[in-house]
Amino acid sequence: MTQEARTLFDCLARAPQCRVLVMGDVMLDRYWTGEVARISPEAPVPILKVNGVQDLPGGAGNVARNIAALGAQVTLVGVVGQDEGAQALAAMLGEAGINARLHVDAGLR
């Protein structure tokens, strides 16, 4: 094993003792999956029959989630709108063990 690999493994082993602050743009990534049955006659746009929707933290939320998965204690600071997506995002971050300090700005959509 190279010295670089040993250093990396040593850092990862110490992750549970680390406290990390993540600040940045927080967003909800929403993925729709399904099947395209046809193309719209009005424009060359596929018409999707949605079979499933998956929500995941995006932006700085994704970074915080990845750091928490390594075992570190994470605090996330960001701004969200006052909507269903922000509520879903806050719940997901809490479930991941992230201390989310999200400022709600009613003017954001």
PDB file of N, CA and C in Angstrom:
ATOM      1  N   MET A   1       0.848  -1.172   0.000  1.00  0.00           N
ATOM      2  CA  MET A   1       0.000   0.000   0.000  1.00  0.00           C
ATOM      3  C   MET A   1       0.899   1.242   0.000  1.00  0.00           C
ATOM      4  N   THR A   2       0.517   2.239  -0.800  1.00  0.00           N
ATOM      5  CA  THR A   2       1.318   3.456  -0.892  1.00  0.00           C
ATOM      6  C   THR A   2       1.111   4.328   0.346  1.00  0.00           C
ATOM      7  N   GLN A   3       2.018   5.255   0.542  1.00  0.00           N
ATOM      8  CA  GLN A   3       1.906   6.194   1.666  1.00  0.00           C
ATOM      9  C   GLN A   3       0.644   7.044   1.536  1.00  0.00           C
ATOM     10  N   GLU A   4       0.295   7.426   0.298  1.00  0.00           N
ATOM     11  CA  GLU A   4      -0.908   8.226   0.080  1.00  0.00           C
ATOM     12  C   GLU A   4      -2.162   7.455   0.492  1.00  0.00           C
ATOM     13  N   ALA A   5      -2.209   6.178   0.172  1.00  0.00           N
ATOM     14  CA  ALA A   5      -3.357   5.346   0.537  1.00  0.00           C
ATOM     15  C   ALA A   5      -3.446   5.190   2.052  1.00  0.00           C
ATOM     16  N   ARG A   6      -2.310   4.993   2.709  1.00  0.00           N
ATOM     17  CA  ARG A   6      -2.304   4.883   4.181  1.00  0.00           C
ATOM     18  C   ARG A   6      -2.803   6.175   4.821  1.00  0.00           C
ATOM     19  N   THR A   7      -2.354   7.306   4.285  1.00  0.00           N
ATOM     20  CA  THR A   7      -2.785   8.608   4.814  1.00  0.00           C
ATOM     21  C   THR A   7      -4.291   8.774   4.647  1.00  0.00           C
ATOM     22  N   LEU A   8      -4.814   8.392   3.507  1.00  0.00           N
ATOM     23  CA  LEU A   8      -6.251   8.484   3.270  1.00  0.00           C
ATOM     24  C   LEU A   8      -7.027   7.602   4.241  1.00  0.00           C
ATOM     25  N   PHE A   9      -6.601   6.373   4.418  1.00  0.00           N
ATOM     26  CA  PHE A   9      -7.288   5.461   5.337  1.00  0.00           C
ATOM     27  C   PHE A   9      -7.203   5.965   6.777  1.00  0.00           C
ATOM     28  N   ASP A  10      -6.074   6.551   7.153  1.00  0.00           N
ATOM     29  CA  ASP A  10      -5.939   7.125   8.493  1.00  0.00           C
ATOM     30  C   ASP A  10      -6.928   8.279   8.683  1.00  0.00           C
ATOM     31  N   CYS A  11      -7.067   9.128   7.684  1.00  0.00           N
ATOM     32  CA  CYS A  11      -8.019  10.250   7.757  1.00  0.00           C
ATOM     33  C   CYS A  11      -9.452   9.743   7.863  1.00  0.00           C
ATOM     34  N   LEU A  12      -9.804   8.752   7.068  1.00  0.00           N
ATOM     35  CA  LEU A  12     -11.155   8.203   7.106  1.00  0.00           C
ATOM     36  C   LEU A  12     -11.458   7.545   8.451  1.00  0.00           C
ATOM     37  N   ALA A  13     -10.471   6.922   9.049  1.00  0.00           N
ATOM     38  CA  ALA A  13     -10.670   6.282  10.349  1.00  0.00           C
ATOM     39  C   ALA A  13     -10.926   7.318  11.442  1.00  0.00           C
ATOM     40  N   ARG A  14     -10.413   8.543  11.263  1.00  0.00           N
ATOM     41  CA  ARG A  14     -10.618   9.602  12.254  1.00  0.00           C
ATOM     42  C   ARG A  14     -11.877  10.411  12.001  1.00  0.00           C
ATOM     43  N   ALA A  15     -12.611  10.148  10.944  1.00  0.00           N
ATOM     44  CA  ALA A  15     -13.808  10.926  10.593  1.00  0.00           C
ATOM     45  C   ALA A  15     -14.826  11.021  11.728  1.00  0.00           C
ATOM     46  N   PRO A  16     -15.094   9.947  12.488  1.00  0.00           N
ATOM     47  CA  PRO A  16     -16.083  10.076  13.565  1.00  0.00           C
ATOM     48  C   PRO A  16     -15.709  11.088  14.655  1.00  0.00           C
ATOM     49  N   GLN A  17     -14.451  11.464  14.747  1.00  0.00           N
ATOM     50  CA  GLN A  17     -14.049  12.459  15.747  1.00  0.00           C
ATOM     51  C   GLN A  17     -14.101  13.885  15.195  1.00  0.00           C
ATOM     52  N   CYS A  18     -14.440  14.029  13.921  1.00  0.00           N
ATOM     53  CA  CYS A  18     -14.423  15.346  13.279  1.00  0.00           C
ATOM     54  C   CYS A  18     -15.783  16.023  13.360  1.00  0.00           C
ATOM     55  N   ARG A  19     -15.736  17.334  13.519  1.00  0.00           N
ATOM     56  CA  ARG A  19     -16.927  18.165  13.425  1.00  0.00           C
ATOM     57  C   ARG A  19     -16.732  19.062  12.217  1.00  0.00           C
ATOM     58  N   VAL A  20     -17.700  19.044  11.295  1.00  0.00           N
ATOM     59  CA  VAL A  20     -17.553  19.754  10.029  1.00  0.00           C
ATOM     60  C   VAL A  20     -18.726  20.714   9.855  1.00  0.00           C
ATOM     61  N   LEU A  21     -18.421  21.946   9.454  1.00  0.00           N
ATOM     62  CA  LEU A  21     -19.443  22.936   9.118  1.00  0.00           C
ATOM     63  C   LEU A  21     -19.487  23.075   7.610  1.00  0.00           C
ATOM     64  N   VAL A  22     -20.669  22.900   7.039  1.00  0.00           N
ATOM     65  CA  VAL A  22     -20.875  23.069   5.598  1.00  0.00           C
ATOM     66  C   VAL A  22     -21.811  24.254   5.406  1.00  0.00           C
ATOM     67  N   MET A  23     -21.392  25.220   4.607  1.00  0.00           N
ATOM     68  CA  MET A  23     -22.224  26.388   4.291  1.00  0.00           C
ATOM     69  C   MET A  23     -22.320  26.501   2.783  1.00  0.00           C
ATOM     70  N   GLY A  24     -23.537  26.762   2.295  1.00  0.00           N
ATOM     71  CA  GLY A  24     -23.655  26.931   0.853  1.00  0.00           C
ATOM     72  C   GLY A  24     -25.077  26.861   0.374  1.00  0.00           C
ATOM     73  N   ASP A  25     -25.219  26.762  -0.935  1.00  0.00           N
ATOM     74  CA  ASP A  25     -26.529  26.684  -1.567  1.00  0.00           C
ATOM     75  C   ASP A  25     -27.132  25.315  -1.295  1.00  0.00           C
ATOM     76  N   VAL A  26     -28.292  25.324  -0.668  1.00  0.00           N
ATOM     77  CA  VAL A  26     -28.992  24.095  -0.320  1.00  0.00           C
ATOM     78  C   VAL A  26     -30.190  23.967  -1.251  1.00  0.00           C
ATOM     79  N   MET A  27     -30.373  22.794  -1.799  1.00  0.00           N
ATOM     80  CA  MET A  27     -31.496  22.596  -2.722  1.00  0.00           C
ATOM     81  C   MET A  27     -31.987  21.161  -2.643  1.00  0.00           C
ATOM     82  N   LEU A  28     -33.162  20.955  -3.149  1.00  0.00           N
ATOM     83  CA  LEU A  28     -33.737  19.618  -3.236  1.00  0.00           C
ATOM     84  C   LEU A  28     -33.607  19.152  -4.675  1.00  0.00           C
ATOM     85  N   ASP A  29     -32.937  18.027  -4.875  1.00  0.00           N
ATOM     86  CA  ASP A  29     -32.866  17.415  -6.198  1.00  0.00           C
ATOM     87  C   ASP A  29     -34.023  16.432  -6.295  1.00  0.00           C
ATOM     88  N   ARG A  30     -34.839  16.583  -7.321  1.00  0.00           N
ATOM     89  CA  ARG A  30     -35.996  15.703  -7.515  1.00  0.00           C
ATOM     90  C   ARG A  30     -35.835  15.003  -8.861  1.00  0.00           C
ATOM     91  N   TYR A  31     -35.854  13.668  -8.803  1.00  0.00           N
ATOM     92  CA  TYR A  31     -35.664  12.851 -10.004  1.00  0.00           C
ATOM     93  C   TYR A  31     -36.965  12.121 -10.331  1.00  0.00           C
ATOM     94  N   TRP A  32     -37.430  12.275 -11.564  1.00  0.00           N
ATOM     95  CA  TRP A  32     -38.603  11.547 -12.036  1.00  0.00           C
ATOM     96  C   TRP A  32     -38.124  10.431 -12.952  1.00  0.00           C
ATOM     97  N   THR A  33     -38.659   9.234 -12.757  1.00  0.00           N
ATOM     98  CA  THR A  33     -38.341   8.117 -13.631  1.00  0.00           C
ATOM     99  C   THR A  33     -39.620   7.631 -14.279  1.00  0.00           C
ATOM    100  N   GLY A  34     -39.491   7.071 -15.449  1.00  0.00           N
ATOM    101  CA  GLY A  34     -40.665   6.577 -16.151  1.00  0.00           C
ATOM    102  C   GLY A  34     -40.324   6.137 -17.559  1.00  0.00           C
ATOM    103  N   GLU A  35     -41.365   6.098 -18.365  1.00  0.00           N
ATOM    104  CA  GLU A  35     -41.223   5.636 -19.743  1.00  0.00           C
ATOM    105  C   GLU A  35     -41.721   6.702 -20.706  1.00  0.00           C
ATOM    106  N   VAL A  36     -41.011   6.834 -21.808  1.00  0.00           N
ATOM    107  CA  VAL A  36     -41.454   7.733 -22.866  1.00  0.00           C
ATOM    108  C   VAL A  36     -42.237   6.899 -23.867  1.00  0.00           C
ATOM    109  N   ALA A  37     -43.519   7.225 -23.990  1.00  0.00           N
ATOM    110  CA  ALA A  37     -44.380   6.474 -24.897  1.00  0.00           C
ATOM    111  C   ALA A  37     -44.513   7.142 -26.255  1.00  0.00           C
ATOM    112  N   ARG A  38     -44.321   8.477 -26.264  1.00  0.00           N
ATOM    113  CA  ARG A  38     -44.504   9.179 -27.533  1.00  0.00           C
ATOM    114  C   ARG A  38     -43.824  10.531 -27.471  1.00  0.00           C
ATOM    115  N   ILE A  39     -43.769  11.191 -28.599  1.00  0.00           N
ATOM    116  CA  ILE A  39     -43.245  12.544 -28.714  1.00  0.00           C
ATOM    117  C   ILE A  39     -44.424  13.486 -28.910  1.00  0.00           C
ATOM    118  N   SER A  40     -44.377  14.635 -28.257  1.00  0.00           N
ATOM    119  CA  SER A  40     -45.463  15.603 -28.365  1.00  0.00           C
ATOM    120  C   SER A  40     -45.626  16.054 -29.816  1.00  0.00           C
ATOM    121  N   PRO A  41     -46.887  16.168 -30.285  1.00  0.00           N
ATOM    122  CA  PRO A  41     -47.105  16.643 -31.651  1.00  0.00           C
ATOM    123  C   PRO A  41     -46.842  18.150 -31.796  1.00  0.00           C
ATOM    124  N   GLU A  42     -46.870  18.897 -30.680  1.00  0.00           N
ATOM    125  CA  GLU A  42     -46.665  20.349 -30.741  1.00  0.00           C
ATOM    126  C   GLU A  42     -45.187  20.736 -30.826  1.00  0.00           C
ATOM    127  N   ALA A  43     -44.330  19.896 -30.275  1.00  0.00           N
ATOM    128  CA  ALA A  43     -42.899  20.191 -30.264  1.00  0.00           C
ATOM    129  C   ALA A  43     -42.149  18.861 -30.110  1.00  0.00           C
ATOM    130  N   PRO A  44     -40.907  18.822 -30.516  1.00  0.00           N
ATOM    131  CA  PRO A  44     -40.145  17.567 -30.373  1.00  0.00           C
ATOM    132  C   PRO A  44     -39.726  17.331 -28.913  1.00  0.00           C
ATOM    133  N   VAL A  45     -40.739  17.088 -28.070  1.00  0.00           N
ATOM    134  CA  VAL A  45     -40.517  16.892 -26.642  1.00  0.00           C
ATOM    135  C   VAL A  45     -41.093  15.533 -26.248  1.00  0.00           C
ATOM    136  N   PRO A  46     -40.306  14.702 -25.563  1.00  0.00           N
ATOM    137  CA  PRO A  46     -40.839  13.412 -25.129  1.00  0.00           C
ATOM    138  C   PRO A  46     -41.904  13.593 -24.045  1.00  0.00           C
ATOM    139  N   ILE A  47     -42.952  12.778 -24.098  1.00  0.00           N
ATOM    140  CA  ILE A  47     -44.001  12.756 -23.083  1.00  0.00           C
ATOM    141  C   ILE A  47     -43.676  11.601 -22.137  1.00  0.00           C
ATOM    142  N   LEU A  48     -43.456  11.929 -20.875  1.00  0.00           N
ATOM    143  CA  LEU A  48     -43.028  10.948 -19.885  1.00  0.00           C
ATOM    144  C   LEU A  48     -44.201  10.478 -19.047  1.00  0.00           C
ATOM    145  N   LYS A  49     -44.369   9.154 -18.959  1.00  0.00           N
ATOM    146  CA  LYS A  49     -45.317   8.566 -18.019  1.00  0.00           C
ATOM    147  C   LYS A  49     -44.508   8.286 -16.754  1.00  0.00           C
ATOM    148  N   VAL A  50     -44.761   9.078 -15.701  1.00  0.00           N
ATOM    149  CA  VAL A  50     -43.962   9.007 -14.479  1.00  0.00           C
ATOM    150  C   VAL A  50     -44.322   7.760 -13.687  1.00  0.00           C
ATOM    151  N   ASN A  51     -43.298   6.962 -13.388  1.00  0.00           N
ATOM    152  CA  ASN A  51     -43.470   5.754 -12.569  1.00  0.00           C
ATOM    153  C   ASN A  51     -42.958   5.948 -11.147  1.00  0.00           C
ATOM    154  N   GLY A  52     -42.066   6.913 -10.953  1.00  0.00           N
ATOM    155  CA  GLY A  52     -41.510   7.117  -9.624  1.00  0.00           C
ATOM    156  C   GLY A  52     -40.840   8.464  -9.494  1.00  0.00           C
ATOM    157  N   VAL A  53     -40.774   8.934  -8.256  1.00  0.00           N
ATOM    158  CA  VAL A  53     -40.108  10.198  -7.943  1.00  0.00           C
ATOM    159  C   VAL A  53     -39.184   9.953  -6.766  1.00  0.00           C
ATOM    160  N   GLN A  54     -37.962  10.465  -6.856  1.00  0.00           N
ATOM    161  CA  GLN A  54     -37.000  10.336  -5.768  1.00  0.00           C
ATOM    162  C   GLN A  54     -36.470  11.717  -5.424  1.00  0.00           C
ATOM    163  N   ASP A  55     -36.507  12.080  -4.144  1.00  0.00           N
ATOM    164  CA  ASP A  55     -35.961  13.347  -3.663  1.00  0.00           C
ATOM    165  C   ASP A  55     -34.672  13.084  -2.909  1.00  0.00           C
ATOM    166  N   LEU A  56     -33.668  13.919  -3.148  1.00  0.00           N
ATOM    167  CA  LEU A  56     -32.382  13.818  -2.458  1.00  0.00           C
ATOM    168  C   LEU A  56     -31.857  15.221  -2.179  1.00  0.00           C
ATOM    169  N   PRO A  57     -31.087  15.385  -1.097  1.00  0.00           N
ATOM    170  CA  PRO A  57     -30.462  16.681  -0.864  1.00  0.00           C
ATOM    171  C   PRO A  57     -29.479  16.995  -1.989  1.00  0.00           C
ATOM    172  N   GLY A  58     -29.521  18.238  -2.456  1.00  0.00           N
ATOM    173  CA  GLY A  58     -28.613  18.663  -3.512  1.00  0.00           C
ATOM    174  C   GLY A  58     -27.733  19.803  -3.045  1.00  0.00           C
ATOM    175  N   GLY A  59     -26.777  20.175  -3.865  1.00  0.00           N
ATOM    176  CA  GLY A  59     -25.864  21.265  -3.529  1.00  0.00           C
ATOM    177  C   GLY A  59     -25.101  20.970  -2.256  1.00  0.00           C
ATOM    178  N   ALA A  60     -25.079  21.955  -1.345  1.00  0.00           N
ATOM    179  CA  ALA A  60     -24.373  21.793  -0.073  1.00  0.00           C
ATOM    180  C   ALA A  60     -24.996  20.690   0.774  1.00  0.00           C
ATOM    181  N   GLY A  61     -26.289  20.418   0.582  1.00  0.00           N
ATOM    182  CA  GLY A  61     -26.939  19.321   1.302  1.00  0.00           C
ATOM    183  C   GLY A  61     -26.347  17.973   0.922  1.00  0.00           C
ATOM    184  N   ASN A  62     -26.005  17.813  -0.335  1.00  0.00           N
ATOM    185  CA  ASN A  62     -25.371  16.579  -0.796  1.00  0.00           C
ATOM    186  C   ASN A  62     -23.972  16.443  -0.193  1.00  0.00           C
ATOM    187  N   VAL A  63     -23.240  17.544  -0.139  1.00  0.00           N
ATOM    188  CA  VAL A  63     -21.903  17.523   0.466  1.00  0.00           C
ATOM    189  C   VAL A  63     -22.013  17.109   1.931  1.00  0.00           C
ATOM    190  N   ALA A  64     -22.965  17.723   2.658  1.00  0.00           N
ATOM    191  CA  ALA A  64     -23.153  17.403   4.076  1.00  0.00           C
ATOM    192  C   ALA A  64     -23.525  15.935   4.252  1.00  0.00           C
ATOM    193  N   ARG A  65     -24.381  15.431   3.401  1.00  0.00           N
ATOM    194  CA  ARG A  65     -24.809  14.027   3.485  1.00  0.00           C
ATOM    195  C   ARG A  65     -23.630  13.080   3.264  1.00  0.00           C
ATOM    196  N   ASN A  66     -22.775  13.401   2.312  1.00  0.00           N
ATOM    197  CA  ASN A  66     -21.611  12.557   2.046  1.00  0.00           C
ATOM    198  C   ASN A  66     -20.635  12.572   3.225  1.00  0.00           C
ATOM    199  N   ILE A  67     -20.434  13.736   3.830  1.00  0.00           N
ATOM    200  CA  ILE A  67     -19.535  13.824   4.979  1.00  0.00           C
ATOM    201  C   ILE A  67     -20.119  13.055   6.159  1.00  0.00           C
ATOM    202  N   ALA A  68     -21.428  13.183   6.385  1.00  0.00           N
ATOM    203  CA  ALA A  68     -22.085  12.446   7.471  1.00  0.00           C
ATOM    204  C   ALA A  68     -21.973  10.942   7.247  1.00  0.00           C
ATOM    205  N   ALA A  69     -22.030  10.507   5.990  1.00  0.00           N
ATOM    206  CA  ALA A  69     -21.916   9.077   5.679  1.00  0.00           C
ATOM    207  C   ALA A  69     -20.536   8.537   6.053  1.00  0.00           C
ATOM    208  N   LEU A  70     -19.529   9.405   6.096  1.00  0.00           N
ATOM    209  CA  LEU A  70     -18.190   8.999   6.524  1.00  0.00           C
ATOM    210  C   LEU A  70     -18.095   8.902   8.044  1.00  0.00           C
ATOM    211  N   GLY A  71     -19.131   9.392   8.739  1.00  0.00           N
ATOM    212  CA  GLY A  71     -19.159   9.285  10.191  1.00  0.00           C
ATOM    213  C   GLY A  71     -18.887  10.570  10.945  1.00  0.00           C
ATOM    214  N   ALA A  72     -18.616  11.653  10.248  1.00  0.00           N
ATOM    215  CA  ALA A  72     -18.327  12.929  10.916  1.00  0.00           C
ATOM    216  C   ALA A  72     -19.623  13.574  11.416  1.00  0.00           C
ATOM    217  N   GLN A  73     -19.483  14.449  12.405  1.00  0.00           N
ATOM    218  CA  GLN A  73     -20.602  15.245  12.892  1.00  0.00           C
ATOM    219  C   GLN A  73     -20.713  16.477  11.993  1.00  0.00           C
ATOM    220  N   VAL A  74     -21.875  16.669  11.367  1.00  0.00           N
ATOM    221  CA  VAL A  74     -22.021  17.720  10.364  1.00  0.00           C
ATOM    222  C   VAL A  74     -23.095  18.719  10.772  1.00  0.00           C
ATOM    223  N   THR A  75     -22.759  19.999  10.634  1.00  0.00           N
ATOM    224  CA  THR A  75     -23.732  21.073  10.748  1.00  0.00           C
ATOM    225  C   THR A  75     -23.802  21.736   9.383  1.00  0.00           C
ATOM    226  N   LEU A  76     -25.015  21.892   8.868  1.00  0.00           N
ATOM    227  CA  LEU A  76     -25.236  22.507   7.561  1.00  0.00           C
ATOM    228  C   LEU A  76     -25.963  23.822   7.756  1.00  0.00           C
ATOM    229  N   VAL A  77     -25.433  24.891   7.153  1.00  0.00           N
ATOM    230  CA  VAL A  77     -26.047  26.209   7.212  1.00  0.00           C
ATOM    231  C   VAL A  77     -26.394  26.633   5.794  1.00  0.00           C
ATOM    232  N   GLY A  78     -27.657  27.046   5.601  1.00  0.00           N
ATOM    233  CA  GLY A  78     -28.081  27.487   4.280  1.00  0.00           C
ATOM    234  C   GLY A  78     -29.423  28.186   4.347  1.00  0.00           C
ATOM    235  N   VAL A  79     -29.886  28.622   3.205  1.00  0.00           N
ATOM    236  CA  VAL A  79     -31.155  29.340   3.081  1.00  0.00           C
ATOM    237  C   VAL A  79     -32.065  28.527   2.172  1.00  0.00           C
ATOM    238  N   VAL A  80     -33.338  28.402   2.600  1.00  0.00           N
ATOM    239  CA  VAL A  80     -34.331  27.692   1.801  1.00  0.00           C
ATOM    240  C   VAL A  80     -35.580  28.546   1.688  1.00  0.00           C
ATOM    241  N   GLY A  81     -36.439  28.199   0.753  1.00  0.00           N
ATOM    242  CA  GLY A  81     -37.723  28.868   0.633  1.00  0.00           C
ATOM    243  C   GLY A  81     -38.721  28.304   1.634  1.00  0.00           C
ATOM    244  N   GLN A  82     -39.890  28.902   1.647  1.00  0.00           N
ATOM    245  CA  GLN A  82     -40.943  28.446   2.556  1.00  0.00           C
ATOM    246  C   GLN A  82     -41.916  27.600   1.728  1.00  0.00           C
ATOM    247  N   ASP A  83     -41.551  26.323   1.524  1.00  0.00           N
ATOM    248  CA  ASP A  83     -42.369  25.468   0.680  1.00  0.00           C
ATOM    249  C   ASP A  83     -42.223  24.002   1.077  1.00  0.00           C
ATOM    250  N   GLU A  84     -42.949  23.153   0.390  1.00  0.00           N
ATOM    251  CA  GLU A  84     -42.942  21.710   0.669  1.00  0.00           C
ATOM    252  C   GLU A  84     -41.561  21.107   0.448  1.00  0.00           C
ATOM    253  N   GLY A  85     -40.851  21.579  -0.563  1.00  0.00           N
ATOM    254  CA  GLY A  85     -39.519  21.058  -0.848  1.00  0.00           C
ATOM    255  C   GLY A  85     -38.554  21.308   0.289  1.00  0.00           C
ATOM    256  N   ALA A  86     -38.621  22.493   0.894  1.00  0.00           N
ATOM    257  CA  ALA A  86     -37.750  22.821   2.016  1.00  0.00           C
ATOM    258  C   ALA A  86     -38.064  21.942   3.220  1.00  0.00           C
ATOM    259  N   GLN A  87     -39.335  21.663   3.445  1.00  0.00           N
ATOM    260  CA  GLN A  87     -39.725  20.795   4.557  1.00  0.00           C
ATOM    261  C   GLN A  87     -39.219  19.374   4.331  1.00  0.00           C
ATOM    262  N   ALA A  88     -39.369  18.881   3.105  1.00  0.00           N
ATOM    263  CA  ALA A  88     -38.881  17.539   2.781  1.00  0.00           C
ATOM    264  C   ALA A  88     -37.367  17.468   2.934  1.00  0.00           C
ATOM    265  N   LEU A  89     -36.684  18.503   2.493  1.00  0.00           N
ATOM    266  CA  LEU A  89     -35.228  18.555   2.598  1.00  0.00           C
ATOM    267  C   LEU A  89     -34.787  18.540   4.061  1.00  0.00           C
ATOM    268  N   ALA A  90     -35.423  19.345   4.905  1.00  0.00           N
ATOM    269  CA  ALA A  90     -35.068  19.391   6.323  1.00  0.00           C
ATOM    270  C   ALA A  90     -35.263  18.022   6.972  1.00  0.00           C
ATOM    271  N   ALA A  91     -36.344  17.343   6.614  1.00  0.00           N
ATOM    272  CA  ALA A  91     -36.598  16.009   7.176  1.00  0.00           C
ATOM    273  C   ALA A  91     -35.518  15.017   6.742  1.00  0.00           C
ATOM    274  N   MET A  92     -35.139  15.042   5.472  1.00  0.00           N
ATOM    275  CA  MET A  92     -34.104  14.134   4.974  1.00  0.00           C
ATOM    276  C   MET A  92     -32.769  14.378   5.651  1.00  0.00           C
ATOM    277  N   LEU A  93     -32.429  15.649   5.839  1.00  0.00           N
ATOM    278  CA  LEU A  93     -31.155  15.976   6.484  1.00  0.00           C
ATOM    279  C   LEU A  93     -31.155  15.496   7.928  1.00  0.00           C
ATOM    280  N   GLY A  94     -32.277  15.663   8.610  1.00  0.00           N
ATOM    281  CA  GLY A  94     -32.384  15.177   9.981  1.00  0.00           C
ATOM    282  C   GLY A  94     -32.237  13.669  10.066  1.00  0.00           C
ATOM    283  N   GLU A  95     -32.867  12.958   9.134  1.00  0.00           N
ATOM    284  CA  GLU A  95     -32.765  11.492   9.103  1.00  0.00           C
ATOM    285  C   GLU A  95     -31.329  11.031   8.859  1.00  0.00           C
ATOM    286  N   ALA A  96     -30.548  11.859   8.154  1.00  0.00           N
ATOM    287  CA  ALA A  96     -29.146  11.524   7.880  1.00  0.00           C
ATOM    288  C   ALA A  96     -28.235  11.912   9.043  1.00  0.00           C
ATOM    289  N   GLY A  97     -28.809  12.457  10.117  1.00  0.00           N
ATOM    290  CA  GLY A  97     -28.008  12.833  11.281  1.00  0.00           C
ATOM    291  C   GLY A  97     -27.294  14.157  11.135  1.00  0.00           C
ATOM    292  N   ILE A  98     -27.791  14.997  10.229  1.00  0.00           N
ATOM    293  CA  ILE A  98     -27.161  16.294   9.971  1.00  0.00           C
ATOM    294  C   ILE A  98     -27.884  17.368  10.773  1.00  0.00           C
ATOM    295  N   ASN A  99     -27.132  18.191  11.482  1.00  0.00           N
ATOM    296  CA  ASN A  99     -27.681  19.312  12.223  1.00  0.00           C
ATOM    297  C   ASN A  99     -27.897  20.444  11.218  1.00  0.00           C
ATOM    298  N   ALA A 100     -29.105  20.534  10.662  1.00  0.00           N
ATOM    299  CA  ALA A 100     -29.398  21.507   9.606  1.00  0.00           C
ATOM    300  C   ALA A 100     -29.907  22.804  10.220  1.00  0.00           C
ATOM    301  N   ARG A 101     -29.183  23.870   9.982  1.00  0.00           N
ATOM    302  CA  ARG A 101     -29.577  25.214  10.408  1.00  0.00           C
ATOM    303  C   ARG A 101     -30.003  25.967   9.151  1.00  0.00           C
ATOM    304  N   LEU A 102     -31.260  25.773   8.778  1.00  0.00           N
ATOM    305  CA  LEU A 102     -31.768  26.329   7.527  1.00  0.00           C
ATOM    306  C   LEU A 102     -32.598  27.572   7.804  1.00  0.00           C
ATOM    307  N   HIS A 103     -32.159  28.695   7.261  1.00  0.00           N
ATOM    308  CA  HIS A 103     -32.915  29.948   7.379  1.00  0.00           C
ATOM    309  C   HIS A 103     -33.996  29.932   6.307  1.00  0.00           C
ATOM    310  N   VAL A 104     -35.248  30.149   6.727  1.00  0.00           N
ATOM    311  CA  VAL A 104     -36.365  30.152   5.783  1.00  0.00           C
ATOM    312  C   VAL A 104     -36.613  31.572   5.298  1.00  0.00           C
ATOM    313  N   ASP A 105     -36.543  31.769   3.992  1.00  0.00           N
ATOM    314  CA  ASP A 105     -36.827  33.049   3.349  1.00  0.00           C
ATOM    315  C   ASP A 105     -38.097  32.866   2.529  1.00  0.00           C
ATOM    316  N   ALA A 106     -39.198  33.468   2.993  1.00  0.00           N
ATOM    317  CA  ALA A 106     -40.490  33.308   2.325  1.00  0.00           C
ATOM    318  C   ALA A 106     -40.480  33.865   0.911  1.00  0.00           C
ATOM    319  N   GLY A 107     -39.515  34.714   0.581  1.00  0.00           N
ATOM    320  CA  GLY A 107     -39.438  35.294  -0.757  1.00  0.00           C
ATOM    321  C   GLY A 107     -38.818  34.358  -1.792  1.00  0.00           C
ATOM    322  N   LEU A 108     -38.228  33.264  -1.342  1.00  0.00           N
ATOM    323  CA  LEU A 108     -37.627  32.298  -2.278  1.00  0.00           C
ATOM    324  C   LEU A 108     -38.644  31.277  -2.708  1.00  0.00           C
ATOM    325  N   ARG A 109     -38.572  30.858  -3.936  1.00  0.00           N
ATOM    326  CA  ARG A 109     -39.468  29.811  -4.454  1.00  0.00           C
ATOM    327  C   ARG A 109     -38.648  28.777  -5.178  1.00  0.00           C
TER     328      ARG A 109
END
